[in-house]
Amino acid sequence: MSVNVKAATLTNLVKYKTDRASLRSVRDDMKKLQKDFSKTEGTIAKAKMQADKQAYTAQMQQQKQVQQQQKQAAKQATVDAKAKQIEARKLAAAQSKAAKIQMQQQQKQASVAENARLKERKALFDIGRMEGLNGAQRFTAARHAQNLVSQYQQGAISLRDMNQQMAIHMTQQKALARNQRKQAKQSGKKSKYGRSGSSGWLSRNVNGNCPTAIIIRSSRCISRTTNVRHFLTGNF
């Protein structure tokens, strides 16, 4: 720098030298930095956007998964409830059927017991009133009748079969009694049992006992000490 003084004028001359190449380099570096910064900012924004998108996608997938699970759970609950209802109906039907079968069995057993009781009572009463049979024959006839009743109670024979066999048995016993009365009449001998069926036998044995125990209804019996009148009249 130089100073020239001319008259009263003072002039300052400033000279400088600029390194344009360095300035250009700096400017280029700044532009590059700005460009890189812009690029980085865009990358970051893009990355953030991508991350947000992925997070949203994951959230939606999870939500969809939860909804599917809830839907599946509701569907399974409906299926289970329906299965339980079906099972309950089956159980109720089975119980109803079992109760019906049990009631039918009880009714059948009651009917069998009543049929057996009535048939046995009638058979013993008729046998007791047959004129012409002795004590042993009455006992044998009564025991056979009771055996038929017992077979019916145990299910070995049907009611129809028992009735048929009982009818045959009673017919045979009546025929036997009739033949013995006829023989006694032909021989001129008065029947020691009288004309009143079992009345003569009863009168002589009213204080007597049965020859032996007679099984009745497979669970009750007429013991040796049972009065004969009770046996013949069916009061046992």
C-alpha atoms as a PDB file:
ATOM      1  CA  MET A   1       0.000   0.000   0.000  1.00  0.00           C
ATOM      2  CA  SER A   2       1.229   3.484  -0.805  1.00  0.00           C
ATOM      3  CA  VAL A   3       0.016   6.925   0.232  1.00  0.00           C
ATOM      4  CA  ASN A   4       0.309   9.884  -2.113  1.00  0.00           C
ATOM      5  CA  VAL A   5      -0.391  13.257  -0.751  1.00  0.00           C
ATOM      6  CA  LYS A   6      -1.199  15.818  -3.394  1.00  0.00           C
ATOM      7  CA  ALA A   7      -2.392  19.154  -2.184  1.00  0.00           C
ATOM      8  CA  ALA A   8      -4.977  18.489   0.401  1.00  0.00           C
ATOM      9  CA  THR A   9      -6.288  15.260  -1.060  1.00  0.00           C
ATOM     10  CA  LEU A  10      -5.605  12.008   0.720  1.00  0.00           C
ATOM     11  CA  THR A  11      -6.124   8.925  -1.274  1.00  0.00           C
ATOM     12  CA  ASN A  12      -6.015   5.424   0.149  1.00  0.00           C
ATOM     13  CA  LEU A  13      -5.372   2.765  -2.380  1.00  0.00           C
ATOM     14  CA  VAL A  14      -6.122  -0.708  -1.293  1.00  0.00           C
ATOM     15  CA  LYS A  15      -5.019  -3.577  -3.442  1.00  0.00           C
ATOM     16  CA  TYR A  16      -5.851  -7.190  -2.767  1.00  0.00           C
ATOM     17  CA  LYS A  17      -5.470 -10.398  -4.578  1.00  0.00           C
ATOM     18  CA  THR A  18      -8.228 -13.014  -4.548  1.00  0.00           C
ATOM     19  CA  ASP A  19      -7.517 -16.703  -4.927  1.00  0.00           C
ATOM     20  CA  ARG A  20     -10.399 -17.448  -7.226  1.00  0.00           C
ATOM     21  CA  ALA A  21      -9.486 -21.071  -7.549  1.00  0.00           C
ATOM     22  CA  SER A  22      -9.705 -21.559  -3.805  1.00  0.00           C
ATOM     23  CA  LEU A  23     -12.941 -19.588  -3.663  1.00  0.00           C
ATOM     24  CA  ARG A  24     -14.370 -21.687  -6.461  1.00  0.00           C
ATOM     25  CA  SER A  25     -13.242 -24.812  -4.671  1.00  0.00           C
ATOM     26  CA  VAL A  26     -14.821 -23.658  -1.450  1.00  0.00           C
ATOM     27  CA  ARG A  27     -17.998 -22.737  -3.273  1.00  0.00           C
ATOM     28  CA  ASP A  28     -18.078 -26.135  -4.955  1.00  0.00           C
ATOM     29  CA  ASP A  29     -17.468 -27.811  -1.645  1.00  0.00           C
ATOM     30  CA  MET A  30     -20.329 -25.854  -0.109  1.00  0.00           C
ATOM     31  CA  LYS A  31     -22.624 -26.784  -2.956  1.00  0.00           C
ATOM     32  CA  LYS A  32     -21.542 -30.367  -2.639  1.00  0.00           C
ATOM     33  CA  LEU A  33     -22.095 -30.291   1.085  1.00  0.00           C
ATOM     34  CA  GLN A  34     -25.510 -28.719   0.555  1.00  0.00           C
ATOM     35  CA  LYS A  35     -26.316 -31.295  -2.063  1.00  0.00           C
ATOM     36  CA  ASP A  36     -25.097 -34.101   0.167  1.00  0.00           C
ATOM     37  CA  PHE A  37     -27.042 -32.662   3.059  1.00  0.00           C
ATOM     38  CA  SER A  38     -30.179 -32.443   0.949  1.00  0.00           C
ATOM     39  CA  LYS A  39     -29.586 -35.960  -0.254  1.00  0.00           C
ATOM     40  CA  THR A  40     -29.035 -37.210   3.285  1.00  0.00           C
ATOM     41  CA  GLU A  41     -32.120 -35.396   4.511  1.00  0.00           C
ATOM     42  CA  GLY A  42     -34.143 -36.980   1.722  1.00  0.00           C
ATOM     43  CA  THR A  43     -32.696 -40.363   2.548  1.00  0.00           C
ATOM     44  CA  ILE A  44     -33.551 -39.887   6.189  1.00  0.00           C
ATOM     45  CA  ALA A  45     -37.050 -38.734   5.333  1.00  0.00           C
ATOM     46  CA  LYS A  46     -37.450 -41.627   2.944  1.00  0.00           C
ATOM     47  CA  ALA A  47     -36.118 -44.038   5.523  1.00  0.00           C
ATOM     48  CA  LYS A  48     -38.454 -42.584   8.123  1.00  0.00           C
ATOM     49  CA  MET A  49     -41.350 -42.851   5.713  1.00  0.00           C
ATOM     50  CA  GLN A  50     -40.404 -46.434   4.947  1.00  0.00           C
ATOM     51  CA  ALA A  51     -40.147 -47.213   8.628  1.00  0.00           C
ATOM     52  CA  ASP A  52     -43.518 -45.614   9.285  1.00  0.00           C
ATOM     53  CA  LYS A  53     -44.987 -47.592   6.432  1.00  0.00           C
ATOM     54  CA  GLN A  54     -43.512 -50.832   7.760  1.00  0.00           C
ATOM     55  CA  ALA A  55     -44.765 -50.048  11.246  1.00  0.00           C
ATOM     56  CA  TYR A  56     -48.234 -49.297   9.896  1.00  0.00           C
ATOM     57  CA  THR A  57     -48.192 -52.471   7.806  1.00  0.00           C
ATOM     58  CA  ALA A  58     -47.078 -54.515  10.811  1.00  0.00           C
ATOM     59  CA  GLN A  59     -49.758 -52.914  12.969  1.00  0.00           C
ATOM     60  CA  MET A  60     -52.443 -53.617  10.385  1.00  0.00           C
ATOM     61  CA  GLN A  61     -51.253 -57.197   9.998  1.00  0.00           C
ATOM     62  CA  GLN A  62     -51.281 -57.658  13.751  1.00  0.00           C
ATOM     63  CA  GLN A  63     -54.745 -56.136  13.983  1.00  0.00           C
ATOM     64  CA  LYS A  64     -55.941 -58.368  11.167  1.00  0.00           C
ATOM     65  CA  GLN A  65     -54.387 -61.350  12.913  1.00  0.00           C
ATOM     66  CA  VAL A  66     -56.136 -60.461  16.165  1.00  0.00           C
ATOM     67  CA  GLN A  67     -59.441 -60.050  14.341  1.00  0.00           C
ATOM     68  CA  GLN A  68     -58.981 -63.419  12.648  1.00  0.00           C
ATOM     69  CA  GLN A  69     -58.157 -65.033  15.982  1.00  0.00           C
ATOM     70  CA  GLN A  70     -61.207 -63.444  17.580  1.00  0.00           C
ATOM     71  CA  LYS A  71     -63.360 -64.557  14.668  1.00  0.00           C
ATOM     72  CA  GLN A  72     -61.943 -68.079  14.869  1.00  0.00           C
ATOM     73  CA  ALA A  73     -62.455 -68.134  18.635  1.00  0.00           C
ATOM     74  CA  ALA A  74     -66.068 -66.990  18.226  1.00  0.00           C
ATOM     75  CA  LYS A  75     -66.621 -69.608  15.524  1.00  0.00           C
ATOM     76  CA  GLN A  76     -65.078 -72.319  17.706  1.00  0.00           C
ATOM     77  CA  ALA A  77     -67.201 -71.189  20.653  1.00  0.00           C
ATOM     78  CA  THR A  78     -70.303 -71.488  18.467  1.00  0.00           C
ATOM     79  CA  VAL A  79     -69.232 -74.959  17.324  1.00  0.00           C
ATOM     80  CA  ASP A  80     -68.525 -76.013  20.925  1.00  0.00           C
ATOM     81  CA  ALA A  81     -71.861 -74.644  22.124  1.00  0.00           C
ATOM     82  CA  LYS A  82     -73.678 -76.465  19.332  1.00  0.00           C
ATOM     83  CA  ALA A  83     -71.800 -79.673  20.122  1.00  0.00           C
ATOM     84  CA  LYS A  84     -72.724 -79.321  23.794  1.00  0.00           C
ATOM     85  CA  GLN A  85     -76.361 -78.772  22.868  1.00  0.00           C
ATOM     86  CA  ILE A  86     -76.329 -81.862  20.655  1.00  0.00           C
ATOM     87  CA  GLU A  87     -74.634 -83.861  23.414  1.00  0.00           C
ATOM     88  CA  ALA A  88     -77.155 -82.586  25.953  1.00  0.00           C
ATOM     89  CA  ARG A  89     -80.041 -83.550  23.666  1.00  0.00           C
ATOM     90  CA  LYS A  90     -78.525 -86.991  23.124  1.00  0.00           C
ATOM     91  CA  LEU A  91     -78.059 -87.440  26.863  1.00  0.00           C
ATOM     92  CA  ALA A  92     -81.621 -86.297  27.560  1.00  0.00           C
ATOM     93  CA  ALA A  93     -82.932 -88.641  24.870  1.00  0.00           C
ATOM     94  CA  ALA A  94     -80.883 -91.529  26.272  1.00  0.00           C
ATOM     95  CA  GLN A  95     -82.097 -90.811  29.806  1.00  0.00           C
ATOM     96  CA  SER A  96     -85.680 -90.554  28.590  1.00  0.00           C
ATOM     97  CA  LYS A  97     -85.319 -93.807  26.681  1.00  0.00           C
ATOM     98  CA  ALA A  98     -83.741 -95.509  29.691  1.00  0.00           C
ATOM     99  CA  ALA A  99     -86.517 -94.221  31.950  1.00  0.00           C
ATOM    100  CA  LYS A 100     -89.129 -95.414  29.458  1.00  0.00           C
ATOM    101  CA  ILE A 101     -87.490 -98.831  29.211  1.00  0.00           C
ATOM    102  CA  GLN A 102     -87.260 -99.044  32.999  1.00  0.00           C
ATOM    103  CA  MET A 103     -90.920 -98.089  33.358  1.00  0.00           C
ATOM    104  CA  GLN A 104     -91.897-100.652  30.723  1.00  0.00           C
ATOM    105  CA  GLN A 105     -89.829-103.292  32.519  1.00  0.00           C
ATOM    106  CA  GLN A 106     -91.437-102.403  35.832  1.00  0.00           C
ATOM    107  CA  GLN A 107     -94.878-102.536  34.257  1.00  0.00           C
ATOM    108  CA  LYS A 108     -94.019-105.851  32.631  1.00  0.00           C
ATOM    109  CA  GLN A 109     -92.704-107.253  35.913  1.00  0.00           C
ATOM    110  CA  ALA A 110     -95.827-106.061  37.723  1.00  0.00           C
ATOM    111  CA  SER A 111     -98.000-107.592  35.021  1.00  0.00           C
ATOM    112  CA  VAL A 112     -96.069-110.864  35.143  1.00  0.00           C
ATOM    113  CA  ALA A 113     -96.299-110.958  38.934  1.00  0.00           C
ATOM    114  CA  GLU A 114    -100.052-110.311  38.862  1.00  0.00           C
ATOM    115  CA  ASN A 115    -100.664-112.872  36.103  1.00  0.00           C
ATOM    116  CA  ALA A 116     -98.605-115.436  37.983  1.00  0.00           C
ATOM    117  CA  ARG A 117    -100.381-114.740  41.274  1.00  0.00           C
ATOM    118  CA  LEU A 118    -103.852-114.986  39.760  1.00  0.00           C
ATOM    119  CA  LYS A 119    -103.035-118.077  37.711  1.00  0.00           C
ATOM    120  CA  GLU A 120    -101.462-119.846  40.677  1.00  0.00           C
ATOM    121  CA  ARG A 121    -104.347-118.961  42.986  1.00  0.00           C
ATOM    122  CA  LYS A 122    -106.909-120.236  40.471  1.00  0.00           C
ATOM    123  CA  ALA A 123    -104.960-123.447  39.798  1.00  0.00           C
ATOM    124  CA  LEU A 124    -104.514-124.281  43.479  1.00  0.00           C
ATOM    125  CA  PHE A 125    -108.156-123.502  44.191  1.00  0.00           C
ATOM    126  CA  ASP A 126    -109.357-125.724  41.332  1.00  0.00           C
ATOM    127  CA  ILE A 127    -107.019-128.554  42.326  1.00  0.00           C
ATOM    128  CA  GLY A 128    -108.216-128.333  45.907  1.00  0.00           C
ATOM    129  CA  ARG A 129    -111.838-128.705  44.782  1.00  0.00           C
ATOM    130  CA  MET A 130    -111.263-131.712  42.504  1.00  0.00           C
ATOM    131  CA  GLU A 131    -113.245-134.677  43.826  1.00  0.00           C
ATOM    132  CA  GLY A 132    -111.510-137.995  43.425  1.00  0.00           C
ATOM    133  CA  LEU A 133    -107.846-137.020  43.962  1.00  0.00           C
ATOM    134  CA  ASN A 134    -105.977-138.160  47.033  1.00  0.00           C
ATOM    135  CA  GLY A 135    -103.572-136.000  49.001  1.00  0.00           C
ATOM    136  CA  ALA A 136    -100.442-137.058  47.135  1.00  0.00           C
ATOM    137  CA  GLN A 137    -102.122-136.486  43.775  1.00  0.00           C
ATOM    138  CA  ARG A 138    -103.265-133.025  44.853  1.00  0.00           C
ATOM    139  CA  PHE A 139     -99.778-132.192  46.014  1.00  0.00           C
ATOM    140  CA  THR A 140     -98.232-133.399  42.744  1.00  0.00           C
ATOM    141  CA  ALA A 141    -100.781-131.489  40.681  1.00  0.00           C
ATOM    142  CA  ALA A 142    -100.257-128.309  42.734  1.00  0.00           C
ATOM    143  CA  ARG A 143     -96.483-128.559  42.462  1.00  0.00           C
ATOM    144  CA  HIS A 144     -96.657-128.970  38.673  1.00  0.00           C
ATOM    145  CA  ALA A 145     -98.953-125.930  38.417  1.00  0.00           C
ATOM    146  CA  GLN A 146     -96.535-123.893  40.522  1.00  0.00           C
ATOM    147  CA  ASN A 147     -93.627-125.010  38.358  1.00  0.00           C
ATOM    148  CA  LEU A 148     -95.443-123.683  35.293  1.00  0.00           C
ATOM    149  CA  VAL A 149     -96.040-120.359  37.054  1.00  0.00           C
ATOM    150  CA  SER A 150     -92.390-120.215  38.128  1.00  0.00           C
ATOM    151  CA  GLN A 151     -91.201-120.833  34.564  1.00  0.00           C
ATOM    152  CA  TYR A 152     -93.433-117.996  33.377  1.00  0.00           C
ATOM    153  CA  GLN A 153     -92.077-115.648  36.052  1.00  0.00           C
ATOM    154  CA  GLN A 154     -88.500-116.472  35.067  1.00  0.00           C
ATOM    155  CA  GLY A 155     -89.245-115.813  31.389  1.00  0.00           C
ATOM    156  CA  ALA A 156     -88.703-119.414  30.317  1.00  0.00           C
ATOM    157  CA  ILE A 157     -92.195-119.595  28.828  1.00  0.00           C
ATOM    158  CA  SER A 158     -94.675-116.981  27.637  1.00  0.00           C
ATOM    159  CA  LEU A 159     -98.038-116.165  29.185  1.00  0.00           C
ATOM    160  CA  ARG A 160     -99.792-117.877  26.303  1.00  0.00           C
ATOM    161  CA  ASP A 161     -97.630-120.978  26.708  1.00  0.00           C
ATOM    162  CA  MET A 162     -98.260-121.066  30.462  1.00  0.00           C
ATOM    163  CA  ASN A 163    -102.007-120.725  29.978  1.00  0.00           C
ATOM    164  CA  GLN A 164    -102.012-123.493  27.397  1.00  0.00           C
ATOM    165  CA  GLN A 165     -99.914-125.859  29.508  1.00  0.00           C
ATOM    166  CA  MET A 166    -101.959-125.021  32.598  1.00  0.00           C
ATOM    167  CA  ALA A 167    -105.197-125.749  30.711  1.00  0.00           C
ATOM    168  CA  ILE A 168    -103.794-129.109  29.570  1.00  0.00           C
ATOM    169  CA  HIS A 169    -102.626-129.903  33.105  1.00  0.00           C
ATOM    170  CA  MET A 170    -105.994-129.038  34.657  1.00  0.00           C
ATOM    171  CA  THR A 171    -107.810-131.064  31.997  1.00  0.00           C
ATOM    172  CA  GLN A 172    -105.599-134.047  32.793  1.00  0.00           C
ATOM    173  CA  GLN A 173    -106.184-133.700  36.536  1.00  0.00           C
ATOM    174  CA  LYS A 174    -109.934-133.398  36.056  1.00  0.00           C
ATOM    175  CA  ALA A 175    -109.891-136.503  33.856  1.00  0.00           C
ATOM    176  CA  LEU A 176    -107.877-138.363  36.498  1.00  0.00           C
ATOM    177  CA  ALA A 177    -110.282-137.316  39.237  1.00  0.00           C
ATOM    178  CA  ARG A 178    -113.272-138.246  37.087  1.00  0.00           C
ATOM    179  CA  ASN A 179    -111.852-141.703  36.284  1.00  0.00           C
ATOM    180  CA  GLN A 180    -111.093-142.381  39.923  1.00  0.00           C
ATOM    181  CA  ARG A 181    -114.605-141.352  40.941  1.00  0.00           C
ATOM    182  CA  LYS A 182    -115.997-143.611  38.205  1.00  0.00           C
ATOM    183  CA  GLN A 183    -113.875-146.540  39.336  1.00  0.00           C
ATOM    184  CA  ALA A 184    -114.935-146.007  42.924  1.00  0.00           C
ATOM    185  CA  LYS A 185    -118.588-145.896  41.861  1.00  0.00           C
ATOM    186  CA  GLN A 186    -118.260-149.056  39.743  1.00  0.00           C
ATOM    187  CA  SER A 187    -116.597-150.909  42.589  1.00  0.00           C
ATOM    188  CA  GLY A 188    -119.487-149.910  44.805  1.00  0.00           C
ATOM    189  CA  LYS A 189    -117.203-148.155  47.217  1.00  0.00           C
ATOM    190  CA  LYS A 190    -118.003-144.697  48.454  1.00  0.00           C
ATOM    191  CA  SER A 191    -115.228-142.253  47.768  1.00  0.00           C
ATOM    192  CA  LYS A 192    -113.374-141.612  50.978  1.00  0.00           C
ATOM    193  CA  TYR A 193    -113.114-137.996  49.869  1.00  0.00           C
ATOM    194  CA  GLY A 194    -116.877-137.457  49.636  1.00  0.00           C
ATOM    195  CA  ARG A 195    -118.890-135.669  46.958  1.00  0.00           C
ATOM    196  CA  SER A 196    -117.922-132.175  47.888  1.00  0.00           C
ATOM    197  CA  GLY A 197    -114.596-132.065  46.167  1.00  0.00           C
ATOM    198  CA  SER A 198    -111.958-131.181  48.668  1.00  0.00           C
ATOM    199  CA  SER A 199    -114.391-130.743  51.560  1.00  0.00           C
ATOM    200  CA  GLY A 200    -113.908-134.275  52.803  1.00  0.00           C
ATOM    201  CA  TRP A 201    -110.187-134.009  52.512  1.00  0.00           C
ATOM    202  CA  LEU A 202    -110.340-130.644  54.244  1.00  0.00           C
ATOM    203  CA  SER A 203    -112.503-131.946  57.074  1.00  0.00           C
ATOM    204  CA  ARG A 204    -110.027-134.698  57.831  1.00  0.00           C
ATOM    205  CA  ASN A 205    -106.951-132.511  57.391  1.00  0.00           C
ATOM    206  CA  VAL A 206    -108.125-129.163  58.666  1.00  0.00           C
ATOM    207  CA  ASN A 207    -105.711-129.484  61.552  1.00  0.00           C
ATOM    208  CA  GLY A 208    -103.154-131.339  59.500  1.00  0.00           C
ATOM    209  CA  ASN A 209    -100.139-130.167  57.577  1.00  0.00           C
ATOM    210  CA  CYS A 210     -99.019-130.264  53.952  1.00  0.00           C
ATOM    211  CA  PRO A 211     -96.978-133.332  53.023  1.00  0.00           C
ATOM    212  CA  THR A 212     -93.920-131.183  52.373  1.00  0.00           C
ATOM    213  CA  ALA A 213     -92.928-127.621  51.534  1.00  0.00           C
ATOM    214  CA  ILE A 214     -94.418-126.219  48.319  1.00  0.00           C
ATOM    215  CA  ILE A 215     -92.581-123.441  46.550  1.00  0.00           C
ATOM    216  CA  ILE A 216     -94.830-120.531  45.594  1.00  0.00           C
ATOM    217  CA  ARG A 217     -93.874-117.621  43.351  1.00  0.00           C
ATOM    218  CA  SER A 218     -90.242-118.779  43.581  1.00  0.00           C
ATOM    219  CA  SER A 219     -89.753-116.750  46.783  1.00  0.00           C
ATOM    220  CA  ARG A 220     -92.576-117.797  49.170  1.00  0.00           C
ATOM    221  CA  CYS A 221     -93.505-121.250  50.331  1.00  0.00           C
ATOM    222  CA  ILE A 222     -96.155-123.213  52.165  1.00  0.00           C
ATOM    223  CA  SER A 223     -94.224-124.822  54.986  1.00  0.00           C
ATOM    224  CA  ARG A 224     -94.968-128.088  56.779  1.00  0.00           C
ATOM    225  CA  THR A 225     -96.870-126.179  59.427  1.00  0.00           C
ATOM    226  CA  THR A 226     -99.138-124.333  56.970  1.00  0.00           C
ATOM    227  CA  ASN A 227    -102.800-125.172  57.431  1.00  0.00           C
ATOM    228  CA  VAL A 228    -104.187-127.220  54.551  1.00  0.00           C
ATOM    229  CA  ARG A 229    -107.352-125.124  54.333  1.00  0.00           C
ATOM    230  CA  HIS A 230    -105.204-122.063  53.555  1.00  0.00           C
ATOM    231  CA  PHE A 231    -103.394-123.948  50.811  1.00  0.00           C
ATOM    232  CA  LEU A 232    -106.582-125.132  49.144  1.00  0.00           C
ATOM    233  CA  THR A 233    -108.429-121.827  49.370  1.00  0.00           C
ATOM    234  CA  GLY A 234    -105.467-119.832  48.137  1.00  0.00           C
ATOM    235  CA  ASN A 235    -105.064-117.781  51.356  1.00  0.00           C
ATOM    236  CA  PHE A 236    -101.282-117.852  51.718  1.00  0.00           C
END
